Amino acid sequence: MTALRLLNEVGLEGLTLRRIAKELDVQAPALYWHFKNKQELLDEMATEMFRRMGTALCAVDSSGWQAVMTGAAHVIRDSLLGYRDGAKVFGGTRFRGPDYAGPVDTLMKTLVDAGFTLPAAARAWFTIQCYTMGHVIEEQSVYPFPGGERDPFYAQAERERRLDGHALTAEAGRVFFNDLDTGFEAGLRAVIAGIEATLLPAE
């Protein structure tokens, strides 16, 4: 999809219908037959992102609901990190068409079979998804380009210099913005433990 390729080149702010039309060598008004505005374009991009996740989502470790949720979170994170501003595009959009429903049905069935009520299963999945998107948004602030360099604003020494006199905040930043893989895993374990404690009915 041209829009997703351009996203990595120009980012969310630089992505416009006019820019896409130029890339496709068509007049901008031609795209308005397909998308009324940029939001509809973003909706389609998010839908395509999820389509591309579908096979991987259905292939995660199914040895237990915790493994399924962990695997699904990794699929979403890995996918969104592959696009510049991927989490910002994906979050808050409206999927176009029912393509997303198959993987979500599978996730809901896994949770219901594990003893969750359907409302609790829905809340559990929504919580996992929101945590993952939020974490990726922060990661993509530190590393704006997929596979690229760290933003100089997050250089540890410079950050600590700006926070002179706030030692605890400076130290916390080492946790926030370094070893992002470890941070994601730790947060995901906490979220899953919270879901088990608050949403899974006691036997």
Protein backbone atom coordinates (compact mmCIF):
# COMPACT_ATOMS: atom_id res chain seq x y z
CA MET A 1 0.00 0.00 0.00
CA THR A 2 1.53 3.30 -1.13
CA ALA A 3 0.36 5.22 1.94
CA LEU A 4 2.13 2.84 4.33
CA ARG A 5 5.34 3.07 2.34
CA LEU A 6 5.15 6.85 2.31
CA LEU A 7 4.48 6.85 6.05
CA ASN A 8 8.01 5.59 6.66
CA GLU A 9 9.41 8.34 4.45
CA VAL A 10 7.48 11.40 5.61
CA GLY A 11 5.81 10.44 8.90
CA LEU A 12 2.23 11.05 9.94
CA GLU A 13 2.46 14.84 9.71
CA GLY A 14 3.85 14.76 6.19
CA LEU A 15 1.38 12.21 4.87
CA THR A 16 -1.33 13.94 2.84
CA LEU A 17 -3.74 12.89 0.14
CA ARG A 18 -1.96 15.29 -2.21
CA ARG A 19 1.41 13.63 -1.48
CA ILE A 20 -0.06 10.18 -2.12
CA ALA A 21 -1.68 11.37 -5.36
CA LYS A 22 1.67 12.71 -6.54
CA GLU A 23 3.32 9.39 -5.72
CA LEU A 24 0.65 7.54 -7.69
CA ASP A 25 0.87 10.08 -10.53
CA VAL A 26 -2.82 10.91 -10.36
CA GLN A 27 -4.71 14.11 -9.64
CA ALA A 28 -5.55 14.64 -5.97
CA PRO A 29 -9.32 14.80 -6.60
CA ALA A 30 -9.17 11.21 -7.84
CA LEU A 31 -8.33 10.00 -4.34
CA TYR A 32 -11.39 11.72 -2.90
CA TRP A 33 -13.51 9.13 -4.69
CA HIS A 34 -11.99 6.63 -2.24
CA PHE A 35 -11.30 8.74 0.85
CA LYS A 36 -13.27 11.83 1.81
CA ASN A 37 -10.51 13.10 4.09
CA LYS A 38 -7.27 12.14 5.81
CA GLN A 39 -9.10 10.37 8.63
CA GLU A 40 -10.65 7.91 6.20
CA LEU A 41 -7.20 7.30 4.74
CA LEU A 42 -5.82 6.61 8.23
CA ASP A 43 -8.73 4.26 8.90
CA GLU A 44 -7.83 2.27 5.78
CA MET A 45 -4.14 2.25 6.72
CA ALA A 46 -4.93 0.91 10.19
CA THR A 47 -7.19 -1.71 8.67
CA GLU A 48 -4.42 -2.81 6.33
CA MET A 49 -1.98 -2.96 9.25
CA PHE A 50 -4.35 -5.28 11.09
CA ARG A 51 -4.90 -7.41 7.98
CA ARG A 52 -1.16 -7.93 7.82
CA MET A 53 -1.13 -9.01 11.48
CA GLY A 54 -3.93 -11.54 11.03
CA THR A 55 -1.91 -14.66 10.25
CA ALA A 56 0.60 -13.99 13.02
CA LEU A 57 -2.17 -13.30 15.55
CA CYS A 58 -3.77 -16.65 14.78
CA ALA A 59 -0.42 -18.44 15.10
CA VAL A 60 0.63 -17.34 18.60
CA ASP A 61 1.36 -19.83 21.37
CA SER A 62 -2.02 -21.21 22.43
CA SER A 63 -0.89 -23.11 25.52
CA GLY A 64 -2.94 -20.81 27.77
CA TRP A 65 -4.76 -17.51 27.70
CA GLN A 66 -1.77 -15.69 29.16
CA ALA A 67 0.45 -17.02 26.36
CA VAL A 68 -2.12 -16.00 23.75
CA MET A 69 -2.41 -12.46 25.12
CA THR A 70 1.38 -12.16 25.41
CA GLY A 71 1.86 -13.41 21.87
CA ALA A 72 -0.83 -11.10 20.49
CA ALA A 73 0.74 -8.10 22.22
CA HIS A 74 4.09 -8.97 20.65
CA VAL A 75 2.53 -9.27 17.20
CA ILE A 76 0.94 -5.82 17.51
CA ARG A 77 4.09 -4.22 18.90
CA ASP A 78 6.40 -5.74 16.30
CA SER A 79 4.07 -4.72 13.50
CA LEU A 80 3.57 -1.12 14.65
CA LEU A 81 7.29 -0.63 15.21
CA GLY A 82 7.75 -1.43 11.54
CA TYR A 83 6.04 1.81 10.52
CA ARG A 84 7.10 5.33 11.34
CA ASP A 85 4.40 6.72 13.68
CA GLY A 86 2.75 3.31 13.40
CA ALA A 87 1.06 3.39 16.79
CA LYS A 88 -0.31 6.90 16.22
CA VAL A 89 -1.84 5.78 12.94
CA PHE A 90 -3.26 2.59 14.44
CA GLY A 91 -4.71 4.06 17.61
CA GLY A 92 -8.06 5.80 17.54
CA THR A 93 -8.92 4.75 14.00
CA ARG A 94 -11.99 2.90 12.76
CA PHE A 95 -11.47 -0.35 10.91
CA ARG A 96 -13.07 -0.46 7.47
CA GLY A 97 -14.87 -3.72 6.78
CA PRO A 98 -15.02 -6.92 8.86
CA ASP A 99 -11.51 -8.22 8.14
CA TYR A 100 -10.42 -7.74 11.73
CA ALA A 101 -13.27 -9.81 13.17
CA GLY A 102 -11.78 -13.26 12.59
CA PRO A 103 -8.67 -12.80 14.77
CA VAL A 104 -10.70 -10.96 17.42
CA ASP A 105 -13.26 -13.79 17.51
CA THR A 106 -10.40 -16.23 18.07
CA LEU A 107 -9.00 -14.13 20.92
CA MET A 108 -12.44 -13.78 22.53
CA LYS A 109 -13.03 -17.53 22.32
CA THR A 110 -9.67 -18.23 23.96
CA LEU A 111 -10.53 -15.99 26.89
CA VAL A 112 -14.12 -17.23 27.27
CA ASP A 113 -12.94 -20.85 27.16
CA ALA A 114 -10.47 -19.94 29.94
CA GLY A 115 -13.35 -18.80 32.17
CA PHE A 116 -13.73 -15.09 31.38
CA THR A 117 -17.18 -13.71 30.79
CA LEU A 118 -17.48 -12.13 27.35
CA PRO A 119 -17.55 -8.56 28.77
CA ALA A 120 -14.43 -9.36 30.84
CA ALA A 121 -12.74 -10.93 27.82
CA ALA A 122 -13.44 -7.82 25.78
CA ARG A 123 -12.07 -5.58 28.53
CA ALA A 124 -8.98 -7.78 28.87
CA TRP A 125 -8.18 -7.62 25.16
CA PHE A 126 -8.87 -3.89 24.95
CA THR A 127 -6.53 -3.33 27.91
CA ILE A 128 -3.74 -5.37 26.31
CA GLN A 129 -4.16 -3.53 23.03
CA CYS A 130 -4.17 -0.08 24.64
CA TYR A 131 -1.10 -0.88 26.75
CA THR A 132 0.76 -2.08 23.67
CA MET A 133 -0.15 0.92 21.53
CA GLY A 134 0.74 3.34 24.33
CA HIS A 135 4.11 1.71 24.86
CA VAL A 136 4.88 1.81 21.15
CA ILE A 137 3.97 5.51 20.95
CA GLU A 138 6.59 6.18 23.64
CA GLU A 139 9.13 3.91 21.93
CA GLN A 140 8.63 5.73 18.66
CA SER A 141 9.35 9.02 20.38
CA VAL A 142 12.73 7.65 21.43
CA TYR A 143 13.42 5.94 18.09
CA PRO A 144 11.32 7.81 15.48
CA PHE A 145 12.46 5.80 12.46
CA PRO A 146 12.09 2.00 12.23
CA GLY A 147 15.53 0.58 12.91
CA GLY A 148 16.92 4.11 13.15
CA GLU A 149 18.94 6.11 15.63
CA ARG A 150 17.85 7.32 19.05
CA ASP A 151 16.43 10.86 19.10
CA PRO A 152 19.13 13.11 20.64
CA PHE A 153 16.50 14.60 22.97
CA TYR A 154 16.54 11.28 24.84
CA ALA A 155 20.30 11.13 25.28
CA GLN A 156 20.66 10.08 28.90
CA ALA A 157 23.41 12.47 29.93
CA GLU A 158 21.68 15.48 28.38
CA ARG A 159 18.35 14.51 29.92
CA GLU A 160 19.90 14.22 33.36
CA ARG A 161 21.55 17.61 32.90
CA ARG A 162 18.15 19.16 32.19
CA LEU A 163 16.79 17.46 35.32
CA ASP A 164 19.52 18.68 37.65
CA GLY A 165 18.05 18.75 41.14
CA HIS A 166 15.46 16.06 40.37
CA ALA A 167 17.50 12.95 40.97
CA LEU A 168 14.58 10.54 41.27
CA THR A 169 13.00 11.67 38.00
CA ALA A 170 16.37 11.45 36.26
CA GLU A 171 16.88 7.94 37.59
CA ALA A 172 13.35 6.93 36.59
CA GLY A 173 14.13 8.06 33.05
CA ARG A 174 16.74 5.34 32.81
CA VAL A 175 13.89 2.87 33.29
CA PHE A 176 11.46 4.72 31.03
CA PHE A 177 13.70 5.20 28.01
CA ASN A 178 16.40 2.52 28.09
CA ASP A 179 16.12 -1.19 27.30
CA LEU A 180 12.66 -0.76 25.85
CA ASP A 181 12.26 -4.49 25.20
CA THR A 182 12.71 -5.29 28.88
CA GLY A 183 10.38 -2.46 29.83
CA PHE A 184 7.66 -3.72 27.52
CA GLU A 185 7.92 -7.24 28.94
CA ALA A 186 7.76 -6.03 32.53
CA GLY A 187 4.74 -3.87 31.87
CA LEU A 188 2.98 -6.61 29.92
CA ARG A 189 3.46 -9.08 32.78
CA ALA A 190 1.96 -6.52 35.17
CA VAL A 191 -1.02 -5.95 32.88
CA ILE A 192 -1.69 -9.67 32.48
CA ALA A 193 -1.39 -10.24 36.23
CA GLY A 194 -3.85 -7.39 36.79
CA ILE A 195 -6.27 -8.87 34.27
CA GLU A 196 -6.11 -12.24 36.02
CA ALA A 197 -6.64 -10.63 39.42
CA THR A 198 -9.51 -8.35 38.47
CA LEU A 199 -11.31 -9.77 35.42
CA LEU A 200 -11.06 -13.57 35.67
CA PRO A 201 -13.83 -14.88 37.96
CA ALA A 202 -12.64 -16.84 40.97
CA GLU A 203 -13.36 -20.56 40.76
